[in-house]
Protein backbone atom coordinates (compact mmCIF):
# COMPACT_ATOMS: atom_id res chain seq x y z
CA MET A 1 0.07 0.07 0.15
CA ILE A 2 1.11 3.44 -0.79
CA ILE A 3 -0.10 6.22 1.16
CA VAL A 4 -0.13 9.85 -0.40
CA LYS A 5 -1.59 12.92 0.80
CA GLU A 6 -2.52 14.32 -2.41
CA ILE A 7 -2.35 12.31 -5.86
CA THR A 8 -0.06 13.77 -7.94
CA GLU A 9 2.88 12.78 -10.13
CA GLU A 10 5.89 13.79 -7.48
CA ASN A 11 4.01 12.40 -4.69
CA ILE A 12 3.84 8.94 -6.40
CA ARG A 13 7.54 9.04 -7.50
CA LYS A 14 8.77 10.11 -3.67
CA ALA A 15 6.35 6.98 -2.09
CA LEU A 16 7.42 4.69 -4.93
CA ALA A 17 11.05 5.85 -4.49
CA THR A 18 10.78 4.96 -0.66
CA TYR A 19 9.49 1.54 -1.57
CA ILE A 20 12.68 0.60 -3.69
CA GLU A 21 15.29 2.00 -1.25
CA ASN A 22 17.75 -0.82 -0.28
CA SER A 23 17.33 -3.03 -3.24
CA GLY A 24 13.58 -2.56 -3.21
CA TYR A 25 13.32 -4.08 0.57
CA TRP A 26 10.02 -2.81 1.44
CA LEU A 27 8.45 -3.42 -2.00
CA LYS A 28 9.16 -7.12 -1.47
CA LEU A 29 8.32 -7.40 2.03
CA TYR A 30 4.91 -5.85 0.82
CA PHE A 31 4.45 -8.64 -2.16
CA LEU A 32 5.47 -11.85 0.24
CA ALA A 33 2.98 -10.38 2.92
CA GLY A 34 0.36 -11.33 0.70
CA GLU A 35 1.74 -15.01 -0.40
CA PHE A 36 1.89 -16.44 3.50
CA GLU A 37 0.05 -16.87 6.27
CA PHE A 38 0.79 -14.50 9.63
CA ASN A 39 2.13 -17.17 11.66
CA THR A 40 4.89 -18.41 8.60
CA LEU A 41 6.01 -15.00 8.69
CA GLU A 42 6.16 -14.32 12.32
CA ASN A 43 8.47 -17.81 12.61
CA MET A 44 10.48 -16.64 9.94
CA VAL A 45 10.87 -13.49 11.53
CA LYS A 46 11.86 -15.31 14.76
CA LYS A 47 14.27 -17.27 12.88
CA ILE A 48 15.95 -14.14 11.09
CA ASN A 49 16.31 -12.68 14.59
CA VAL A 50 18.11 -15.84 16.18
CA ALA A 51 20.51 -16.01 13.44
CA ASN A 52 21.46 -12.00 13.87
CA GLU A 53 21.78 -12.73 17.52
CA GLU A 54 24.59 -15.43 16.77
CA VAL A 55 26.54 -13.42 14.61
């Protein structure tokens, strides 16, 4: 979901630019969120957090 105060070309470009920062992280996450059940995503986040703590 992209939220803008007013639908203008400039606002849409800014919103999309934010979504594609960091190799499109938020855009990819938003896409994948619709593909998995919430519990599956929660388990994935927990595994990532544990892996990050080990590093």
